[in-house]
């Protein structure tokens, strides 16, 4: 009986030691969405986006940045989505760079003064129906800072702000 107890004890200890030495590092890490838009408790992955340009004013160039949670292509100047409805964010910024928006922080300023590194207009577009070209809801962003950075191969956008309904709005790694 003593031998069985010792054998049982040895098996228990051995299995404990083996379970502690198994590599837990092989478990893949939880990966956050690479391009996400968060509005309050709602989060959606941003899949496509467009950069539009406008005529310069006083050597300052206007850029429109539109990011969607569905694949959207422009055909003959019109958006053609993969899905019939989508959510997104539209940002209007001013930069002194004529080719692309300059790297840096764009601080919200809704005054009529056009100046470089200004975020002048921002809206959430929720429930956009492409067939009838209307949105269920358009929510104005009242304050925020858009940061544009260059990682060497692509531009990255991050945004933190507050919308008119007092929701926290953020973009993480929006491209």
Protein backbone atom coordinates (compact mmCIF):
# COMPACT_ATOMS: atom_id res chain seq x y z
CA UNK A 1 0.00 0.00 0.00
CA UNK A 2 2.93 2.28 0.73
CA UNK A 3 4.24 1.76 -2.79
CA UNK A 4 0.89 2.76 -4.30
CA UNK A 5 0.79 5.92 -2.18
CA UNK A 6 4.34 6.81 -3.20
CA UNK A 7 3.53 6.12 -6.86
CA UNK A 8 0.37 8.23 -6.64
CA UNK A 9 2.32 11.04 -4.95
CA UNK A 10 5.03 10.83 -7.65
CA UNK A 11 2.44 10.99 -10.47
CA UNK A 12 0.71 14.01 -8.91
CA UNK A 13 3.99 15.88 -8.37
CA UNK A 14 5.24 14.98 -11.87
CA UNK A 15 2.06 16.19 -13.54
CA UNK A 16 2.20 19.41 -11.52
CA UNK A 17 5.83 20.04 -12.52
CA UNK A 18 5.12 19.26 -16.18
CA UNK A 19 2.09 21.52 -16.26
CA UNK A 20 4.14 24.37 -14.84
CA UNK A 21 6.90 23.94 -17.41
CA UNK A 22 4.65 23.87 -20.49
CA UNK A 23 5.19 27.00 -22.54
CA UNK A 24 2.22 29.31 -22.07
CA UNK A 25 3.92 31.75 -24.45
CA UNK A 26 2.58 29.79 -27.41
CA UNK A 27 -0.89 31.25 -26.81
CA UNK A 28 -1.40 34.10 -29.27
CA UNK A 29 -1.92 37.49 -27.64
CA UNK A 30 -5.25 39.25 -27.82
CA UNK A 31 -4.91 41.72 -30.66
CA UNK A 32 -6.89 44.93 -30.58
CA UNK A 33 -8.54 46.09 -33.76
CA UNK A 34 -5.92 47.83 -35.84
CA UNK A 35 -8.20 50.63 -37.03
CA UNK A 36 -11.09 51.34 -34.73
CA UNK A 37 -13.58 54.10 -34.12
CA UNK A 38 -14.96 54.30 -30.60
CA UNK A 39 -18.00 56.42 -29.74
CA UNK A 40 -18.99 56.04 -26.10
CA UNK A 41 -19.45 52.29 -25.63
CA UNK A 42 -19.85 51.55 -29.36
CA UNK A 43 -16.76 50.36 -31.24
CA UNK A 44 -16.43 49.59 -34.93
CA UNK A 45 -13.49 48.63 -37.09
CA UNK A 46 -12.50 51.15 -39.76
CA UNK A 47 -11.91 49.37 -43.05
CA UNK A 48 -11.56 52.04 -45.74
CA UNK A 49 -10.95 55.72 -46.06
CA UNK A 50 -10.43 58.57 -48.47
CA UNK A 51 -8.48 61.79 -48.57
CA UNK A 52 -10.04 64.65 -50.53
CA UNK A 53 -8.43 67.98 -51.34
CA UNK A 54 -9.87 71.43 -51.92
CA UNK A 55 -8.59 74.73 -53.28
CA UNK A 56 -6.03 76.55 -51.11
CA UNK A 57 -6.95 79.66 -49.15
CA UNK A 58 -4.13 82.01 -48.12
CA UNK A 59 -1.50 79.29 -48.78
CA UNK A 60 -3.37 76.85 -46.54
CA UNK A 61 -4.76 73.65 -48.06
CA UNK A 62 -8.03 71.99 -47.05
CA UNK A 63 -8.20 68.21 -46.73
CA UNK A 64 -11.22 66.04 -46.08
CA UNK A 65 -10.58 62.71 -44.39
CA UNK A 66 -13.42 60.18 -44.45
CA UNK A 67 -13.11 56.80 -42.73
CA UNK A 68 -15.72 54.01 -43.07
CA UNK A 69 -16.44 50.71 -41.35
CA UNK A 70 -17.07 48.97 -44.67
CA UNK A 71 -15.13 48.70 -47.90
CA UNK A 72 -16.05 51.72 -50.04
CA UNK A 73 -14.81 52.54 -53.52
CA UNK A 74 -15.50 55.69 -55.49
CA UNK A 75 -16.91 55.13 -58.98
CA UNK A 76 -17.56 58.22 -61.10
CA UNK A 77 -17.24 60.38 -58.00
CA UNK A 78 -19.87 58.44 -56.05
CA UNK A 79 -19.25 56.12 -53.08
CA UNK A 80 -20.00 52.48 -53.82
CA UNK A 81 -19.99 50.40 -50.62
CA UNK A 82 -19.52 46.70 -50.11
CA UNK A 83 -22.45 46.82 -47.67
CA UNK A 84 -25.55 48.99 -48.09
CA UNK A 85 -25.09 50.76 -44.75
CA UNK A 86 -22.07 51.93 -42.85
CA UNK A 87 -20.77 54.14 -40.07
CA UNK A 88 -17.88 56.52 -40.29
CA UNK A 89 -16.23 59.77 -39.39
CA UNK A 90 -15.54 62.81 -41.56
CA UNK A 91 -12.81 65.29 -40.63
CA UNK A 92 -11.86 68.58 -42.32
CA UNK A 93 -8.36 69.84 -41.64
CA UNK A 94 -6.09 72.59 -42.90
CA UNK A 95 -2.38 72.20 -43.61
CA UNK A 96 0.35 74.31 -45.16
CA UNK A 97 1.62 71.28 -47.12
CA UNK A 98 0.23 71.18 -50.69
CA UNK A 99 0.89 67.44 -51.31
CA UNK A 100 -0.42 65.75 -48.14
CA UNK A 101 -1.50 66.86 -44.69
CA UNK A 102 1.57 67.69 -42.64
CA UNK A 103 2.56 65.42 -39.76
CA UNK A 104 1.49 66.90 -36.43
CA UNK A 105 -1.44 67.76 -34.18
CA UNK A 106 -4.61 69.35 -35.58
CA UNK A 107 -6.59 71.06 -32.83
CA UNK A 108 -10.33 71.64 -33.23
CA UNK A 109 -11.27 75.23 -33.99
CA UNK A 110 -14.70 75.88 -35.48
CA UNK A 111 -14.16 79.61 -36.04
CA UNK A 112 -14.11 81.02 -39.56
CA UNK A 113 -10.34 81.60 -39.35
CA UNK A 114 -8.49 79.28 -41.73
CA UNK A 115 -5.02 78.42 -40.44
CA UNK A 116 -2.56 75.52 -40.70
CA UNK A 117 -2.85 72.59 -38.28
CA UNK A 118 -6.52 73.26 -37.58
CA UNK A 119 -9.30 70.68 -37.44
CA UNK A 120 -12.25 72.81 -38.51
CA UNK A 121 -15.10 70.37 -38.86
CA UNK A 122 -15.77 66.81 -37.71
CA UNK A 123 -18.89 64.66 -37.87
CA UNK A 124 -19.85 61.10 -37.03
CA UNK A 125 -21.93 59.53 -39.77
CA UNK A 126 -24.02 56.75 -38.26
CA UNK A 127 -26.22 54.37 -40.25
CA UNK A 128 -25.42 55.81 -43.67
CA UNK A 129 -27.72 54.19 -46.25
CA UNK A 130 -26.09 54.39 -49.67
CA UNK A 131 -29.24 53.63 -51.67
CA UNK A 132 -31.04 56.74 -50.44
CA UNK A 133 -27.85 58.69 -49.56
CA UNK A 134 -29.03 59.57 -46.05
CA UNK A 135 -27.70 58.82 -42.61
CA UNK A 136 -29.73 57.66 -39.65
CA UNK A 137 -27.79 60.12 -37.54
CA UNK A 138 -25.11 62.76 -38.05
CA UNK A 139 -23.45 63.79 -34.81
CA UNK A 140 -21.21 66.84 -34.66
CA UNK A 141 -17.92 66.60 -32.85
CA UNK A 142 -17.51 69.65 -30.64
CA UNK A 143 -13.87 69.31 -29.61
CA UNK A 144 -10.91 67.12 -30.42
CA UNK A 145 -7.31 66.73 -31.47
CA UNK A 146 -6.31 64.76 -34.55
CA UNK A 147 -2.72 63.52 -34.58
CA UNK A 148 -1.14 62.58 -37.90
CA UNK A 149 2.10 60.63 -37.75
CA UNK A 150 4.27 58.91 -40.35
CA UNK A 151 5.61 55.47 -39.43
CA UNK A 152 7.88 55.34 -42.47
CA UNK A 153 5.56 53.32 -44.70
CA UNK A 154 2.15 54.89 -44.05
CA UNK A 155 0.40 57.71 -42.28
CA UNK A 156 -1.34 56.89 -39.00
CA UNK A 157 -4.21 58.87 -37.55
CA UNK A 158 -5.31 59.03 -33.95
CA UNK A 159 -8.11 61.19 -32.61
CA UNK A 160 -9.56 61.99 -29.23
CA UNK A 161 -12.59 64.22 -28.84
CA UNK A 162 -16.09 64.82 -27.52
CA UNK A 163 -19.26 64.82 -29.62
CA UNK A 164 -22.37 66.96 -29.14
CA UNK A 165 -23.96 64.17 -27.07
CA UNK A 166 -20.97 64.23 -24.65
CA UNK A 167 -19.65 60.87 -25.86
CA UNK A 168 -15.92 60.24 -25.92
CA UNK A 169 -14.86 59.73 -29.55
CA UNK A 170 -11.56 58.17 -30.52
CA UNK A 171 -9.78 56.72 -33.52
CA UNK A 172 -6.96 54.29 -32.95
CA UNK A 173 -4.48 53.72 -35.79
CA UNK A 174 -6.88 54.98 -38.43
CA UNK A 175 -5.21 54.78 -41.82
